[in-house]
Protein backbone atom coordinates (compact mmCIF):
# COMPACT_ATOMS: atom_id res chain seq x y z
CA MET A 1 -30.50 7.49 -64.04
CA SER A 2 -27.76 4.06 -62.32
CA ILE A 3 -25.48 5.97 -61.84
CA PHE A 4 -26.49 8.78 -60.50
CA PHE A 5 -28.56 6.63 -57.79
CA LEU A 6 -25.17 4.62 -57.37
CA ILE A 7 -23.39 8.17 -56.54
CA LEU A 8 -25.99 9.37 -54.40
CA ALA A 9 -26.47 5.96 -52.57
CA PHE A 10 -22.43 6.68 -52.04
CA MET A 11 -22.57 10.01 -50.41
CA LEU A 12 -25.89 8.79 -48.54
CA ILE A 13 -24.44 5.92 -46.75
CA GLY A 14 -20.75 5.75 -47.42
CA ILE A 15 -19.78 8.94 -47.12
CA PRO A 16 -21.49 8.71 -42.59
CA GLY A 17 -20.50 4.38 -42.78
CA ALA A 18 -16.45 5.38 -43.37
CA VAL A 19 -16.67 8.52 -40.76
CA PHE A 20 -18.45 6.41 -38.17
CA ILE A 21 -16.24 3.85 -38.91
CA ILE A 22 -13.25 6.18 -38.28
CA LEU A 23 -14.71 7.68 -35.52
CA GLN A 24 -15.03 4.69 -33.41
CA LEU A 25 -11.42 3.79 -34.28
CA VAL A 26 -10.30 7.01 -33.09
CA ALA A 27 -12.11 6.85 -29.52
CA ALA A 28 -10.92 2.66 -29.58
CA HIS A 29 -7.72 4.73 -29.72
CA ARG A 30 -8.37 6.97 -26.91
CA ARG A 31 -9.37 4.78 -24.63
CA GLN A 32 -6.38 2.70 -25.16
CA ALA A 33 -4.21 5.22 -24.74
CA LEU A 34 -6.34 6.77 -21.52
CA ALA A 35 -6.13 3.01 -20.40
CA TYR A 36 -2.14 3.12 -20.31
CA ARG A 37 -1.59 6.02 -18.70
CA TRP A 38 -3.87 5.45 -15.70
CA SER A 39 -2.35 1.77 -15.26
CA ALA A 40 1.11 3.80 -14.71
CA SER A 41 0.08 6.21 -13.01
CA GLU A 42 -1.74 3.83 -10.78
CA LEU A 43 1.76 2.06 -10.55
CA GLN A 44 2.97 4.73 -9.90
CA ARG A 45 1.16 5.32 -7.14
CA ARG A 46 0.84 2.04 -6.00
CA GLY A 47 5.43 2.07 -5.75
CA ALA A 48 4.76 5.33 -3.86
CA ARG A 49 2.40 2.87 -1.68
CA ILE A 50 4.03 0.25 -0.71
CA ALA A 51 7.39 2.20 0.32
CA GLU A 52 5.53 4.10 2.99
CA MET A 53 4.08 1.47 4.11
CA GLU A 54 7.70 0.19 3.77
CA ARG A 55 9.25 2.55 5.76
CA ASN A 56 6.19 2.42 8.01
CA THR A 57 7.13 -1.08 8.24
CA ALA A 58 10.61 -0.64 9.89
CA ALA A 59 9.97 2.22 12.20
CA ASP A 60 7.16 -0.15 14.02
CA ARG A 61 9.94 -3.20 13.40
CA GLN A 62 12.77 -0.20 15.00
CA ALA A 63 10.08 0.59 18.08
CA ILE A 64 9.04 -3.06 18.87
CA GLY A 65 12.69 -4.05 19.51
CA GLU A 66 12.92 -0.50 21.47
CA LEU A 67 9.79 -2.04 23.53
CA MET A 68 11.53 -5.69 23.86
CA MET A 69 14.78 -4.10 25.19
CA LYS A 70 13.18 -1.82 27.88
CA THR A 71 10.56 -4.71 29.09
CA SER A 72 13.19 -6.82 29.33
CA THR A 73 15.76 -4.83 31.86
CA LEU A 74 12.73 -3.89 33.57
CA ARG A 75 12.47 -7.24 34.38
CA MET A 76 15.31 -7.91 35.27
CA THR A 77 14.77 -4.83 37.74
CA VAL A 78 12.36 -6.57 39.09
CA ASP A 79 13.97 -9.89 39.96
CA ARG A 80 17.07 -8.46 42.08
CA LEU A 81 14.91 -6.32 43.86
CA GLU A 82 12.69 -9.34 44.57
CA LYS A 83 15.77 -11.36 45.59
CA LEU A 84 16.86 -8.12 47.46
CA ILE A 85 13.29 -8.56 49.62
CA GLU A 86 14.01 -11.64 49.82
CA LYS A 87 17.68 -11.06 51.30
CA SER A 88 16.26 -8.24 53.58
CA ASN A 89 13.54 -10.81 54.47
CA THR A 90 15.47 -13.43 55.75
CA ALA A 91 17.91 -11.04 57.54
CA VAL A 92 14.61 -8.67 59.47
CA ALA A 93 13.91 -13.04 60.40
CA ALA A 94 17.31 -13.74 61.62
CA GLY A 95 17.53 -10.90 63.74
CA ALA A 96 14.18 -11.54 65.28
CA LYS A 97 14.65 -14.91 66.48
CA LYS A 98 18.35 -13.63 67.97
């Protein structure tokens, strides 16, 4: 009779317990695989974003360089025009004194 209860206990407790443990192991493996795939795709997304930001930065630096060149050209033009104005003012003043 005790063998009957042992077999019954195994059927009621042992088999569902083993199935539960196996299902937990499978779920843990799936979570780990999903986390790995997510991590790999996240690295690809971040790499693409970094490459895009580097391209944008290079374009912005080029635009800044062009603007600085235009600024220096305009400053040189302003200086040259101010010198011409001074020369014309001194010529007008010298002509008025005569």
